Amino acid sequence: MPVAVGARFVATASAVATVKRRYSFQRSTTVVLACDSRRGGITIALALSLPDTEWKPLLLSTTDCVVVFSILVQGLTLGRMASHALERHAASG
């Protein structure tokens, strides 16, 4: 799961860096977006579309674990993290 979260952060940071040339963002934008970008539906659909092999049950189980982790842990902590980011931004200037 840390690999999935890390990959999500890298992908989000790349997208923000690309758009940052045109728009201004707070410093915490990447963190908030990375933690909120849950793509469980697409992930499960892709795992279900795999051909039947000996690896498919393992991949489906792993996918389910990542999606449940994303929804429960990241979904429940997003509000607190966004509030903290806004407080830090307001205090800095």
Protein backbone atom coordinates (compact mmCIF):
# COMPACT_ATOMS: atom_id res chain seq x y z
CA MET A 1 0.00 0.00 0.00
CA PRO A 2 2.80 2.51 0.60
CA VAL A 3 3.84 1.98 -3.03
CA ALA A 4 0.32 2.81 -4.24
CA VAL A 5 0.14 5.94 -2.08
CA GLY A 6 3.63 6.99 -3.19
CA ALA A 7 2.76 6.50 -6.85
CA ARG A 8 -0.42 8.50 -6.38
CA PHE A 9 1.58 11.33 -4.78
CA VAL A 10 4.13 11.37 -7.63
CA ALA A 11 1.37 11.40 -10.27
CA THR A 12 -0.49 14.21 -8.52
CA ALA A 13 2.68 16.25 -7.93
CA SER A 14 3.55 15.94 -11.61
CA ALA A 15 0.11 17.16 -12.67
CA VAL A 16 0.20 20.09 -10.23
CA ALA A 17 3.71 21.06 -11.36
CA THR A 18 2.54 21.09 -14.97
CA VAL A 19 -0.50 23.28 -14.28
CA LYS A 20 1.35 25.48 -11.78
CA ARG A 21 2.92 27.43 -14.60
CA ARG A 22 -0.48 28.88 -15.43
CA TYR A 23 -2.30 28.85 -12.06
CA SER A 24 -1.22 29.52 -8.50
CA PHE A 25 -1.70 26.89 -5.81
CA GLN A 26 -1.13 26.75 -2.09
CA ARG A 27 1.86 24.66 -1.04
CA SER A 28 -0.38 21.99 0.47
CA THR A 29 -2.43 21.47 -2.71
CA THR A 30 -0.46 18.43 -3.85
CA VAL A 31 -0.81 16.66 -0.50
CA VAL A 32 -4.57 17.26 -0.29
CA LEU A 33 -5.15 16.18 -3.89
CA ALA A 34 -2.97 13.10 -3.56
CA CYS A 35 -4.82 11.94 -0.46
CA ASP A 36 -8.23 12.60 -1.97
CA SER A 37 -7.64 11.04 -5.38
CA ARG A 38 -9.23 7.68 -4.77
CA ARG A 39 -9.65 5.72 -7.98
CA GLY A 40 -11.18 2.57 -6.60
CA GLY A 41 -13.81 2.02 -9.27
CA ILE A 42 -11.38 2.11 -12.17
CA THR A 43 -8.85 0.00 -10.26
CA ILE A 44 -11.37 -2.75 -9.52
CA ALA A 45 -12.73 -2.68 -13.08
CA LEU A 46 -9.24 -3.10 -14.50
CA ALA A 47 -8.44 -5.95 -12.12
CA LEU A 48 -11.70 -7.71 -13.02
CA SER A 49 -10.95 -7.38 -16.73
CA LEU A 50 -7.70 -9.34 -16.44
CA PRO A 51 -7.65 -12.74 -18.14
CA ASP A 52 -8.16 -15.75 -15.91
CA THR A 53 -4.72 -16.81 -14.74
CA GLU A 54 -3.28 -18.16 -11.52
CA TRP A 55 -2.42 -14.56 -10.51
CA LYS A 56 -5.90 -13.05 -10.92
CA PRO A 57 -7.21 -13.96 -7.41
CA LEU A 58 -4.10 -12.46 -5.79
CA LEU A 59 -4.38 -9.29 -7.87
CA LEU A 60 -8.08 -8.95 -7.06
CA SER A 61 -7.43 -9.37 -3.34
CA THR A 62 -4.61 -6.83 -3.42
CA THR A 63 -6.78 -4.39 -5.37
CA ASP A 64 -9.61 -4.76 -2.87
CA CYS A 65 -7.23 -4.08 0.02
CA VAL A 66 -5.88 -0.92 -1.61
CA VAL A 67 -9.38 0.37 -2.37
CA VAL A 68 -10.68 -0.33 1.13
CA PHE A 69 -7.59 1.31 2.64
CA SER A 70 -8.09 4.36 0.45
CA ILE A 71 -11.74 4.76 1.31
CA LEU A 72 -11.46 4.14 5.04
CA VAL A 73 -8.14 5.62 6.08
CA GLN A 74 -7.68 8.40 3.58
CA GLY A 75 -11.37 9.29 3.39
CA LEU A 76 -11.69 9.60 7.15
CA THR A 77 -8.56 11.72 7.53
CA LEU A 78 -9.01 14.07 4.56
CA GLY A 79 -11.12 16.66 6.39
CA ARG A 80 -8.65 17.02 9.24
CA MET A 81 -5.72 17.20 6.86
CA ALA A 82 -7.38 19.89 4.70
CA SER A 83 -8.27 21.93 7.79
CA HIS A 84 -4.70 21.69 9.03
CA ALA A 85 -3.37 22.76 5.62
CA LEU A 86 -5.70 25.77 5.53
CA GLU A 87 -4.70 26.79 9.06
CA ARG A 88 -1.01 26.62 8.15
CA HIS A 89 -1.63 28.66 5.01
CA ALA A 90 -3.60 31.32 6.93
CA ALA A 91 -0.89 31.54 9.61
CA SER A 92 1.90 31.95 7.05
CA GLY A 93 0.48 34.87 5.31
